[in-house]
Amino acid sequence: MFPGEKLNSLEELFQKTMEEYEQRSSTLAQLADEAKELNDDSTVNFLRDLEKEQQHDGLLLQTILDEVRSAKLAGMCPVADRPTCSECRVASATLIIIGANALRR
């Protein structure tokens, strides 16, 4: 996401976050493959460990995105920019936690 980018719904926010996660995962895998070709075992190990950590975040993001979509289909999120349902509040809090974890790395 770009600073100041306008997103229209919580679903769009999580979809965009998921796309960025997938791009990071792909980049990590490419870097690990390149390090393996160069026989740089310490870098390969580091990147593979990082990939494992990222997988957990990806599972959380996908679960939240699925829940947000389910809530939307059930009519629980009538106003996208003012989330009032418990799923939206949990999803927002989780995104903040995932973002904070990513910044610490």
PDB file of N, CA and C in Angstrom:
ATOM      1  N   MET A   1       0.839  -1.174   0.000  1.00  0.00           N
ATOM      2  CA  MET A   1       0.000   0.000   0.000  1.00  0.00           C
ATOM      3  C   MET A   1       0.881   1.234   0.000  1.00  0.00           C
ATOM      4  N   PHE A   2       0.378   2.227  -0.637  1.00  0.00           N
ATOM      5  CA  PHE A   2       1.109   3.477  -0.695  1.00  0.00           C
ATOM      6  C   PHE A   2       0.545   4.428   0.349  1.00  0.00           C
ATOM      7  N   PRO A   3       1.405   5.211   1.009  1.00  0.00           N
ATOM      8  CA  PRO A   3       0.905   6.178   1.986  1.00  0.00           C
ATOM      9  C   PRO A   3      -0.138   7.080   1.337  1.00  0.00           C
ATOM     10  N   GLY A   4      -1.238   7.250   2.028  1.00  0.00           N
ATOM     11  CA  GLY A   4      -2.300   8.106   1.525  1.00  0.00           C
ATOM     12  C   GLY A   4      -3.226   7.422   0.536  1.00  0.00           C
ATOM     13  N   GLU A   5      -2.948   6.153   0.215  1.00  0.00           N
ATOM     14  CA  GLU A   5      -3.803   5.424  -0.725  1.00  0.00           C
ATOM     15  C   GLU A   5      -5.175   5.221  -0.094  1.00  0.00           C
ATOM     16  N   LYS A   6      -6.217   5.543  -0.831  1.00  0.00           N
ATOM     17  CA  LYS A   6      -7.584   5.435  -0.321  1.00  0.00           C
ATOM     18  C   LYS A   6      -8.136   4.048  -0.617  1.00  0.00           C
ATOM     19  N   LEU A   7      -8.501   3.352   0.423  1.00  0.00           N
ATOM     20  CA  LEU A   7      -9.147   2.057   0.279  1.00  0.00           C
ATOM     21  C   LEU A   7     -10.590   2.215   0.721  1.00  0.00           C
ATOM     22  N   ASN A   8     -11.490   1.513   0.066  1.00  0.00           N
ATOM     23  CA  ASN A   8     -12.913   1.736   0.278  1.00  0.00           C
ATOM     24  C   ASN A   8     -13.576   0.807   1.279  1.00  0.00           C
ATOM     25  N   SER A   9     -12.874  -0.213   1.717  1.00  0.00           N
ATOM     26  CA  SER A   9     -13.492  -1.141   2.657  1.00  0.00           C
ATOM     27  C   SER A   9     -12.420  -1.900   3.432  1.00  0.00           C
ATOM     28  N   LEU A  10     -12.865  -2.500   4.504  1.00  0.00           N
ATOM     29  CA  LEU A  10     -11.969  -3.334   5.299  1.00  0.00           C
ATOM     30  C   LEU A  10     -11.521  -4.539   4.476  1.00  0.00           C
ATOM     31  N   GLU A  11     -12.434  -5.065   3.670  1.00  0.00           N
ATOM     32  CA  GLU A  11     -12.080  -6.187   2.797  1.00  0.00           C
ATOM     33  C   GLU A  11     -10.979  -5.784   1.817  1.00  0.00           C
ATOM     34  N   GLU A  12     -11.106  -4.598   1.238  1.00  0.00           N
ATOM     35  CA  GLU A  12     -10.092  -4.126   0.293  1.00  0.00           C
ATOM     36  C   GLU A  12      -8.745  -3.945   0.989  1.00  0.00           C
ATOM     37  N   LEU A  13      -8.767  -3.455   2.219  1.00  0.00           N
ATOM     38  CA  LEU A  13      -7.538  -3.284   2.992  1.00  0.00           C
ATOM     39  C   LEU A  13      -6.835  -4.627   3.198  1.00  0.00           C
ATOM     40  N   PHE A  14      -7.594  -5.636   3.625  1.00  0.00           N
ATOM     41  CA  PHE A  14      -6.985  -6.938   3.867  1.00  0.00           C
ATOM     42  C   PHE A  14      -6.586  -7.627   2.570  1.00  0.00           C
ATOM     43  N   GLN A  15      -7.343  -7.419   1.499  1.00  0.00           N
ATOM     44  CA  GLN A  15      -6.965  -7.993   0.208  1.00  0.00           C
ATOM     45  C   GLN A  15      -5.640  -7.400  -0.252  1.00  0.00           C
ATOM     46  N   LYS A  16      -5.500  -6.088  -0.116  1.00  0.00           N
ATOM     47  CA  LYS A  16      -4.259  -5.415  -0.511  1.00  0.00           C
ATOM     48  C   LYS A  16      -3.098  -5.903   0.364  1.00  0.00           C
ATOM     49  N   THR A  17      -3.344  -6.040   1.657  1.00  0.00           N
ATOM     50  CA  THR A  17      -2.315  -6.527   2.575  1.00  0.00           C
ATOM     51  C   THR A  17      -1.905  -7.954   2.205  1.00  0.00           C
ATOM     52  N   MET A  18      -2.873  -8.776   1.829  1.00  0.00           N
ATOM     53  CA  MET A  18      -2.586 -10.152   1.424  1.00  0.00           C
ATOM     54  C   MET A  18      -1.749 -10.174   0.152  1.00  0.00           C
ATOM     55  N   GLU A  19      -2.063  -9.316  -0.794  1.00  0.00           N
ATOM     56  CA  GLU A  19      -1.279  -9.242  -2.033  1.00  0.00           C
ATOM     57  C   GLU A  19       0.165  -8.842  -1.741  1.00  0.00           C
ATOM     58  N   GLU A  20       0.343  -7.891  -0.830  1.00  0.00           N
ATOM     59  CA  GLU A  20       1.696  -7.473  -0.461  1.00  0.00           C
ATOM     60  C   GLU A  20       2.438  -8.599   0.251  1.00  0.00           C
ATOM     61  N   TYR A  21       1.735  -9.338   1.095  1.00  0.00           N
ATOM     62  CA  TYR A  21       2.334 -10.495   1.767  1.00  0.00           C
ATOM     63  C   TYR A  21       2.815 -11.518   0.732  1.00  0.00           C
ATOM     64  N   GLU A  22       1.966 -11.804  -0.252  1.00  0.00           N
ATOM     65  CA  GLU A  22       2.327 -12.778  -1.283  1.00  0.00           C
ATOM     66  C   GLU A  22       3.549 -12.316  -2.077  1.00  0.00           C
ATOM     67  N   GLN A  23       3.644 -11.019  -2.332  1.00  0.00           N
ATOM     68  CA  GLN A  23       4.805 -10.487  -3.049  1.00  0.00           C
ATOM     69  C   GLN A  23       6.079 -10.652  -2.210  1.00  0.00           C
ATOM     70  N   ARG A  24       5.981 -10.355  -0.910  1.00  0.00           N
ATOM     71  CA  ARG A  24       7.139 -10.528  -0.022  1.00  0.00           C
ATOM     72  C   ARG A  24       7.563 -11.993   0.040  1.00  0.00           C
ATOM     73  N   SER A  25       6.591 -12.887   0.125  1.00  0.00           N
ATOM     74  CA  SER A  25       6.899 -14.321   0.180  1.00  0.00           C
ATOM     75  C   SER A  25       7.593 -14.786  -1.089  1.00  0.00           C
ATOM     76  N   SER A  26       7.112 -14.323  -2.209  1.00  0.00           N
ATOM     77  CA  SER A  26       7.726 -14.681  -3.491  1.00  0.00           C
ATOM     78  C   SER A  26       9.159 -14.162  -3.577  1.00  0.00           C
ATOM     79  N   THR A  27       9.362 -12.937  -3.132  1.00  0.00           N
ATOM     80  CA  THR A  27      10.699 -12.344  -3.155  1.00  0.00           C
ATOM     81  C   THR A  27      11.651 -13.112  -2.240  1.00  0.00           C
ATOM     82  N   LEU A  28      11.181 -13.483  -1.044  1.00  0.00           N
ATOM     83  CA  LEU A  28      12.014 -14.272  -0.126  1.00  0.00           C
ATOM     84  C   LEU A  28      12.406 -15.608  -0.750  1.00  0.00           C
ATOM     85  N   ALA A  29      11.460 -16.263  -1.403  1.00  0.00           N
ATOM     86  CA  ALA A  29      11.755 -17.552  -2.032  1.00  0.00           C
ATOM     87  C   ALA A  29      12.786 -17.389  -3.148  1.00  0.00           C
ATOM     88  N   GLN A  30      12.657 -16.334  -3.932  1.00  0.00           N
ATOM     89  CA  GLN A  30      13.620 -16.080  -5.008  1.00  0.00           C
ATOM     90  C   GLN A  30      15.012 -15.817  -4.447  1.00  0.00           C
ATOM     91  N   LEU A  31      15.069 -15.008  -3.395  1.00  0.00           N
ATOM     92  CA  LEU A  31      16.363 -14.717  -2.772  1.00  0.00           C
ATOM     93  C   LEU A  31      17.005 -15.986  -2.208  1.00  0.00           C
ATOM     94  N   ALA A  32      16.188 -16.821  -1.578  1.00  0.00           N
ATOM     95  CA  ALA A  32      16.712 -18.072  -1.022  1.00  0.00           C
ATOM     96  C   ALA A  32      17.235 -18.978  -2.134  1.00  0.00           C
ATOM     97  N   ASP A  33      16.517 -19.037  -3.241  1.00  0.00           N
ATOM     98  CA  ASP A  33      16.979 -19.848  -4.376  1.00  0.00           C
ATOM     99  C   ASP A  33      18.301 -19.323  -4.932  1.00  0.00           C
ATOM    100  N   GLU A  34      18.420 -18.012  -5.028  1.00  0.00           N
ATOM    101  CA  GLU A  34      19.666 -17.418  -5.526  1.00  0.00           C
ATOM    102  C   GLU A  34      20.826 -17.696  -4.574  1.00  0.00           C
ATOM    103  N   ALA A  35      20.553 -17.578  -3.268  1.00  0.00           N
ATOM    104  CA  ALA A  35      21.601 -17.860  -2.283  1.00  0.00           C
ATOM    105  C   ALA A  35      22.015 -19.330  -2.349  1.00  0.00           C
ATOM    106  N   LYS A  36      21.046 -20.209  -2.592  1.00  0.00           N
ATOM    107  CA  LYS A  36      21.357 -21.637  -2.705  1.00  0.00           C
ATOM    108  C   LYS A  36      22.258 -21.898  -3.915  1.00  0.00           C
ATOM    109  N   GLU A  37      21.962 -21.236  -5.029  1.00  0.00           N
ATOM    110  CA  GLU A  37      22.794 -21.387  -6.232  1.00  0.00           C
ATOM    111  C   GLU A  37      24.229 -20.917  -5.989  1.00  0.00           C
ATOM    112  N   LEU A  38      24.376 -19.945  -5.089  1.00  0.00           N
ATOM    113  CA  LEU A  38      25.704 -19.414  -4.765  1.00  0.00           C
ATOM    114  C   LEU A  38      26.365 -20.171  -3.615  1.00  0.00           C
ATOM    115  N   ASN A  39      25.709 -21.228  -3.144  1.00  0.00           N
ATOM    116  CA  ASN A  39      26.208 -22.028  -2.018  1.00  0.00           C
ATOM    117  C   ASN A  39      26.419 -21.190  -0.758  1.00  0.00           C
ATOM    118  N   ASP A  40      25.552 -20.216  -0.553  1.00  0.00           N
ATOM    119  CA  ASP A  40      25.619 -19.352   0.624  1.00  0.00           C
ATOM    120  C   ASP A  40      24.653 -19.908   1.675  1.00  0.00           C
ATOM    121  N   ASP A  41      25.115 -20.929   2.373  1.00  0.00           N
ATOM    122  CA  ASP A  41      24.251 -21.652   3.304  1.00  0.00           C
ATOM    123  C   ASP A  41      23.712 -20.794   4.441  1.00  0.00           C
ATOM    124  N   SER A  42      24.517 -19.894   4.973  1.00  0.00           N
ATOM    125  CA  SER A  42      24.036 -19.071   6.088  1.00  0.00           C
ATOM    126  C   SER A  42      22.896 -18.157   5.631  1.00  0.00           C
ATOM    127  N   THR A  43      22.993 -17.609   4.432  1.00  0.00           N
ATOM    128  CA  THR A  43      21.913 -16.761   3.916  1.00  0.00           C
ATOM    129  C   THR A  43      20.676 -17.596   3.608  1.00  0.00           C
ATOM    130  N   VAL A  44      20.878 -18.780   3.039  1.00  0.00           N
ATOM    131  CA  VAL A  44      19.751 -19.675   2.758  1.00  0.00           C
ATOM    132  C   VAL A  44      19.015 -20.001   4.053  1.00  0.00           C
ATOM    133  N   ASN A  45      19.750 -20.367   5.091  1.00  0.00           N
ATOM    134  CA  ASN A  45      19.130 -20.704   6.377  1.00  0.00           C
ATOM    135  C   ASN A  45      18.372 -19.519   6.958  1.00  0.00           C
ATOM    136  N   PHE A  46      18.983 -18.339   6.897  1.00  0.00           N
ATOM    137  CA  PHE A  46      18.329 -17.134   7.404  1.00  0.00           C
ATOM    138  C   PHE A  46      17.019 -16.871   6.652  1.00  0.00           C
ATOM    139  N   LEU A  47      17.070 -16.928   5.327  1.00  0.00           N
ATOM    140  CA  LEU A  47      15.886 -16.638   4.521  1.00  0.00           C
ATOM    141  C   LEU A  47      14.807 -17.700   4.699  1.00  0.00           C
ATOM    142  N   ARG A  48      15.184 -18.946   4.845  1.00  0.00           N
ATOM    143  CA  ARG A  48      14.196 -20.015   5.070  1.00  0.00           C
ATOM    144  C   ARG A  48      13.517 -19.833   6.434  1.00  0.00           C
ATOM    145  N   ASP A  49      14.293 -19.442   7.447  1.00  0.00           N
ATOM    146  CA  ASP A  49      13.696 -19.160   8.759  1.00  0.00           C
ATOM    147  C   ASP A  49      12.712 -17.995   8.659  1.00  0.00           C
ATOM    148  N   LEU A  50      13.091 -16.981   7.920  1.00  0.00           N
ATOM    149  CA  LEU A  50      12.218 -15.823   7.723  1.00  0.00           C
ATOM    150  C   LEU A  50      10.945 -16.233   6.986  1.00  0.00           C
ATOM    151  N   GLU A  51      11.078 -17.104   6.010  1.00  0.00           N
ATOM    152  CA  GLU A  51       9.911 -17.608   5.274  1.00  0.00           C
ATOM    153  C   GLU A  51       8.937 -18.324   6.212  1.00  0.00           C
ATOM    154  N   LYS A  52       9.469 -19.115   7.127  1.00  0.00           N
ATOM    155  CA  LYS A  52       8.620 -19.840   8.075  1.00  0.00           C
ATOM    156  C   LYS A  52       7.838 -18.871   8.957  1.00  0.00           C
ATOM    157  N   GLU A  53       8.502 -17.813   9.415  1.00  0.00           N
ATOM    158  CA  GLU A  53       7.824 -16.801  10.222  1.00  0.00           C
ATOM    159  C   GLU A  53       6.734 -16.113   9.411  1.00  0.00           C
ATOM    160  N   GLN A  54       7.032 -15.823   8.169  1.00  0.00           N
ATOM    161  CA  GLN A  54       6.072 -15.146   7.296  1.00  0.00           C
ATOM    162  C   GLN A  54       4.836 -16.015   7.046  1.00  0.00           C
ATOM    163  N   GLN A  55       5.023 -17.327   6.993  1.00  0.00           N
ATOM    164  CA  GLN A  55       3.899 -18.224   6.734  1.00  0.00           C
ATOM    165  C   GLN A  55       2.821 -18.078   7.796  1.00  0.00           C
ATOM    166  N   HIS A  56       3.225 -17.897   9.040  1.00  0.00           N
ATOM    167  CA  HIS A  56       2.259 -17.710  10.126  1.00  0.00           C
ATOM    168  C   HIS A  56       1.441 -16.446   9.884  1.00  0.00           C
ATOM    169  N   ASP A  57       2.105 -15.355   9.528  1.00  0.00           N
ATOM    170  CA  ASP A  57       1.398 -14.106   9.240  1.00  0.00           C
ATOM    171  C   ASP A  57       0.442 -14.283   8.065  1.00  0.00           C
ATOM    172  N   GLY A  58       0.867 -15.038   7.063  1.00  0.00           N
ATOM    173  CA  GLY A  58       0.016 -15.275   5.901  1.00  0.00           C
ATOM    174  C   GLY A  58      -1.253 -16.032   6.260  1.00  0.00           C
ATOM    175  N   LEU A  59      -1.121 -17.026   7.130  1.00  0.00           N
ATOM    176  CA  LEU A  59      -2.296 -17.772   7.573  1.00  0.00           C
ATOM    177  C   LEU A  59      -3.255 -16.872   8.338  1.00  0.00           C
ATOM    178  N   LEU A  60      -2.712 -16.022   9.198  1.00  0.00           N
ATOM    179  CA  LEU A  60      -3.556 -15.078   9.931  1.00  0.00           C
ATOM    180  C   LEU A  60      -4.266 -14.122   8.984  1.00  0.00           C
ATOM    181  N   LEU A  61      -3.529 -13.570   8.051  1.00  0.00           N
ATOM    182  CA  LEU A  61      -4.129 -12.637   7.095  1.00  0.00           C
ATOM    183  C   LEU A  61      -5.238 -13.303   6.289  1.00  0.00           C
ATOM    184  N   GLN A  62      -4.996 -14.514   5.812  1.00  0.00           N
ATOM    185  CA  GLN A  62      -6.016 -15.204   5.016  1.00  0.00           C
ATOM    186  C   GLN A  62      -7.255 -15.486   5.853  1.00  0.00           C
ATOM    187  N   THR A  63      -7.055 -15.900   7.102  1.00  0.00           N
ATOM    188  CA  THR A  63      -8.184 -16.169   7.989  1.00  0.00           C
ATOM    189  C   THR A  63      -9.002 -14.908   8.223  1.00  0.00           C
ATOM    190  N   ILE A  64      -8.321 -13.807   8.475  1.00  0.00           N
ATOM    191  CA  ILE A  64      -9.026 -12.548   8.711  1.00  0.00           C
ATOM    192  C   ILE A  64      -9.767 -12.115   7.455  1.00  0.00           C
ATOM    193  N   LEU A  65      -9.120 -12.200   6.310  1.00  0.00           N
ATOM    194  CA  LEU A  65      -9.768 -11.824   5.054  1.00  0.00           C
ATOM    195  C   LEU A  65     -11.021 -12.670   4.835  1.00  0.00           C
ATOM    196  N   ASP A  66     -10.934 -13.963   5.090  1.00  0.00           N
ATOM    197  CA  ASP A  66     -12.101 -14.839   4.955  1.00  0.00           C
ATOM    198  C   ASP A  66     -13.217 -14.420   5.905  1.00  0.00           C
ATOM    199  N   GLU A  67     -12.862 -14.080   7.148  1.00  0.00           N
ATOM    200  CA  GLU A  67     -13.862 -13.658   8.126  1.00  0.00           C
ATOM    201  C   GLU A  67     -14.506 -12.327   7.740  1.00  0.00           C
ATOM    202  N   VAL A  68     -13.712 -11.398   7.247  1.00  0.00           N
ATOM    203  CA  VAL A  68     -14.250 -10.105   6.812  1.00  0.00           C
ATOM    204  C   VAL A  68     -15.225 -10.319   5.658  1.00  0.00           C
ATOM    205  N   ARG A  69     -14.860 -11.173   4.720  1.00  0.00           N
ATOM    206  CA  ARG A  69     -15.753 -11.461   3.585  1.00  0.00           C
ATOM    207  C   ARG A  69     -17.037 -12.142   4.057  1.00  0.00           C
ATOM    208  N   SER A  70     -16.919 -13.066   5.004  1.00  0.00           N
ATOM    209  CA  SER A  70     -18.105 -13.737   5.538  1.00  0.00           C
ATOM    210  C   SER A  70     -19.021 -12.746   6.234  1.00  0.00           C
ATOM    211  N   ALA A  71     -18.429 -11.847   7.005  1.00  0.00           N
ATOM    212  CA  ALA A  71     -19.220 -10.831   7.700  1.00  0.00           C
ATOM    213  C   ALA A  71     -19.921  -9.924   6.696  1.00  0.00           C
ATOM    214  N   LYS A  72     -19.227  -9.574   5.644  1.00  0.00           N
ATOM    215  CA  LYS A  72     -19.819  -8.719   4.607  1.00  0.00           C
ATOM    216  C   LYS A  72     -21.001  -9.427   3.948  1.00  0.00           C
ATOM    217  N   LEU A  73     -20.816 -10.703   3.594  1.00  0.00           N
ATOM    218  CA  LEU A  73     -21.890 -11.476   2.967  1.00  0.00           C
ATOM    219  C   LEU A  73     -23.092 -11.635   3.892  1.00  0.00           C
ATOM    220  N   ALA A  74     -22.827 -11.703   5.187  1.00  0.00           N
ATOM    221  CA  ALA A  74     -23.902 -11.852   6.160  1.00  0.00           C
ATOM    222  C   ALA A  74     -24.570 -10.523   6.489  1.00  0.00           C
ATOM    223  N   GLY A  75     -24.080  -9.442   5.886  1.00  0.00           N
ATOM    224  CA  GLY A  75     -24.666  -8.129   6.132  1.00  0.00           C
ATOM    225  C   GLY A  75     -24.255  -7.512   7.449  1.00  0.00           C
ATOM    226  N   MET A  76     -23.156  -7.977   8.009  1.00  0.00           N
ATOM    227  CA  MET A  76     -22.725  -7.484   9.315  1.00  0.00           C
ATOM    228  C   MET A  76     -21.866  -6.230   9.220  1.00  0.00           C
ATOM    229  N   CYS A  77     -21.451  -5.854   8.035  1.00  0.00           N
ATOM    230  CA  CYS A  77     -20.583  -4.693   7.859  1.00  0.00           C
ATOM    231  C   CYS A  77     -21.214  -3.723   6.865  1.00  0.00           C
ATOM    232  N   PRO A  78     -22.317  -3.070   7.249  1.00  0.00           N
ATOM    233  CA  PRO A  78     -23.013  -2.216   6.292  1.00  0.00           C
ATOM    234  C   PRO A  78     -22.241  -0.967   5.897  1.00  0.00           C
ATOM    235  N   VAL A  79     -21.420  -0.446   6.788  1.00  0.00           N
ATOM    236  CA  VAL A  79     -20.673   0.773   6.480  1.00  0.00           C
ATOM    237  C   VAL A  79     -19.195   0.447   6.551  1.00  0.00           C
ATOM    238  N   ALA A  80     -18.558   0.366   5.385  1.00  0.00           N
ATOM    239  CA  ALA A  80     -17.181  -0.119   5.319  1.00  0.00           C
ATOM    240  C   ALA A  80     -16.186   0.763   6.046  1.00  0.00           C
ATOM    241  N   ASP A  81     -16.379   2.079   6.009  1.00  0.00           N
ATOM    242  CA  ASP A  81     -15.378   2.950   6.623  1.00  0.00           C
ATOM    243  C   ASP A  81     -15.667   3.223   8.096  1.00  0.00           C
ATOM    244  N   ARG A  82     -16.720   2.632   8.639  1.00  0.00           N
ATOM    245  CA  ARG A  82     -17.017   2.741  10.062  1.00  0.00           C
ATOM    246  C   ARG A  82     -17.374   1.359  10.593  1.00  0.00           C
ATOM    247  N   PRO A  83     -16.369   0.476  10.673  1.00  0.00           N
ATOM    248  CA  PRO A  83     -16.670  -0.892  11.096  1.00  0.00           C
ATOM    249  C   PRO A  83     -17.219  -0.937  12.513  1.00  0.00           C
ATOM    250  N   THR A  84     -18.354  -1.622  12.658  1.00  0.00           N
ATOM    251  CA  THR A  84     -18.969  -1.720  13.971  1.00  0.00           C
ATOM    252  C   THR A  84     -19.085  -3.156  14.460  1.00  0.00           C
ATOM    253  N   CYS A  85     -18.951  -4.114  13.560  1.00  0.00           N
ATOM    254  CA  CYS A  85     -19.115  -5.496  13.994  1.00  0.00           C
ATOM    255  C   CYS A  85     -17.851  -5.984  14.707  1.00  0.00           C
ATOM    256  N   SER A  86     -18.028  -6.995  15.524  1.00  0.00           N
ATOM    257  CA  SER A  86     -16.890  -7.497  16.299  1.00  0.00           C
ATOM    258  C   SER A  86     -15.813  -8.077  15.402  1.00  0.00           C
ATOM    259  N   GLU A  87     -16.200  -8.712  14.285  1.00  0.00           N
ATOM    260  CA  GLU A  87     -15.202  -9.259  13.369  1.00  0.00           C
ATOM    261  C   GLU A  87     -14.311  -8.157  12.810  1.00  0.00           C
ATOM    262  N   CYS A  88     -14.913  -7.016  12.480  1.00  0.00           N
ATOM    263  CA  CYS A  88     -14.128  -5.902  11.934  1.00  0.00           C
ATOM    264  C   CYS A  88     -13.177  -5.336  12.980  1.00  0.00           C
ATOM    265  N   ARG A  89     -13.638  -5.237  14.214  1.00  0.00           N
ATOM    266  CA  ARG A  89     -12.763  -4.726  15.271  1.00  0.00           C
ATOM    267  C   ARG A  89     -11.599  -5.680  15.511  1.00  0.00           C
ATOM    268  N   VAL A  90     -11.879  -6.980  15.551  1.00  0.00           N
ATOM    269  CA  VAL A  90     -10.815  -7.971  15.732  1.00  0.00           C
ATOM    270  C   VAL A  90      -9.861  -7.932  14.548  1.00  0.00           C
ATOM    271  N   ALA A  91     -10.397  -7.843  13.344  1.00  0.00           N
ATOM    272  CA  ALA A  91      -9.557  -7.801  12.145  1.00  0.00           C
ATOM    273  C   ALA A  91      -8.655  -6.577  12.159  1.00  0.00           C
ATOM    274  N   SER A  92      -9.197  -5.438  12.536  1.00  0.00           N
ATOM    275  CA  SER A  92      -8.390  -4.219  12.586  1.00  0.00           C
ATOM    276  C   SER A  92      -7.275  -4.341  13.619  1.00  0.00           C
ATOM    277  N   ALA A  93      -7.598  -4.868  14.776  1.00  0.00           N
ATOM    278  CA  ALA A  93      -6.591  -5.035  15.826  1.00  0.00           C
ATOM    279  C   ALA A  93      -5.511  -6.020  15.390  1.00  0.00           C
ATOM    280  N   THR A  94      -5.917  -7.085  14.726  1.00  0.00           N
ATOM    281  CA  THR A  94      -4.945  -8.076  14.268  1.00  0.00           C
ATOM    282  C   THR A  94      -4.015  -7.501  13.222  1.00  0.00           C
ATOM    283  N   LEU A  95      -4.557  -6.698  12.311  1.00  0.00           N
ATOM    284  CA  LEU A  95      -3.715  -6.066  11.298  1.00  0.00           C
ATOM    285  C   LEU A  95      -2.674  -5.165  11.950  1.00  0.00           C
ATOM    286  N   ILE A  96      -3.059  -4.450  12.983  1.00  0.00           N
ATOM    287  CA  ILE A  96      -2.119  -3.589  13.701  1.00  0.00           C
ATOM    288  C   ILE A  96      -1.009  -4.434  14.331  1.00  0.00           C
ATOM    289  N   ILE A  97      -1.375  -5.559  14.923  1.00  0.00           N
ATOM    290  CA  ILE A  97      -0.387  -6.446  15.548  1.00  0.00           C
ATOM    291  C   ILE A  97       0.562  -7.020  14.501  1.00  0.00           C
ATOM    292  N   ILE A  98       0.023  -7.472  13.369  1.00  0.00           N
ATOM    293  CA  ILE A  98       0.866  -8.018  12.302  1.00  0.00           C
ATOM    294  C   ILE A  98       1.813  -6.950  11.787  1.00  0.00           C
ATOM    295  N   GLY A  99       1.305  -5.735  11.616  1.00  0.00           N
ATOM    296  CA  GLY A  99       2.154  -4.634  11.153  1.00  0.00           C
ATOM    297  C   GLY A  99       3.265  -4.332  12.140  1.00  0.00           C
ATOM    298  N   ALA A 100       2.936  -4.344  13.423  1.00  0.00           N
ATOM    299  CA  ALA A 100       3.949  -4.079  14.445  1.00  0.00           C
ATOM    300  C   ALA A 100       5.007  -5.178  14.449  1.00  0.00           C
ATOM    301  N   ASN A 101       4.580  -6.425  14.290  1.00  0.00           N
ATOM    302  CA  ASN A 101       5.542  -7.534  14.225  1.00  0.00           C
ATOM    303  C   ASN A 101       6.446  -7.406  13.016  1.00  0.00           C
ATOM    304  N   ALA A 102       5.892  -7.004  11.900  1.00  0.00           N
ATOM    305  CA  ALA A 102       6.698  -6.836  10.685  1.00  0.00           C
ATOM    306  C   ALA A 102       7.732  -5.729  10.867  1.00  0.00           C
ATOM    307  N   LEU A 103       7.365  -4.676  11.556  1.00  0.00           N
ATOM    308  CA  LEU A 103       8.295  -3.570  11.782  1.00  0.00           C
ATOM    309  C   LEU A 103       9.438  -3.973  12.705  1.00  0.00           C
ATOM    310  N   ARG A 104       9.174  -4.872  13.651  1.00  0.00           N
ATOM    311  CA  ARG A 104      10.220  -5.308  14.582  1.00  0.00           C
ATOM    312  C   ARG A 104      11.266  -6.171  13.908  1.00  0.00           C
ATOM    313  N   ARG A 105      10.923  -6.791  12.792  1.00  0.00           N
ATOM    314  CA  ARG A 105      11.858  -7.688  12.095  1.00  0.00           C
ATOM    315  C   ARG A 105      12.838  -6.906  11.367  1.00  0.00           C
TER     316      ARG A 105
END
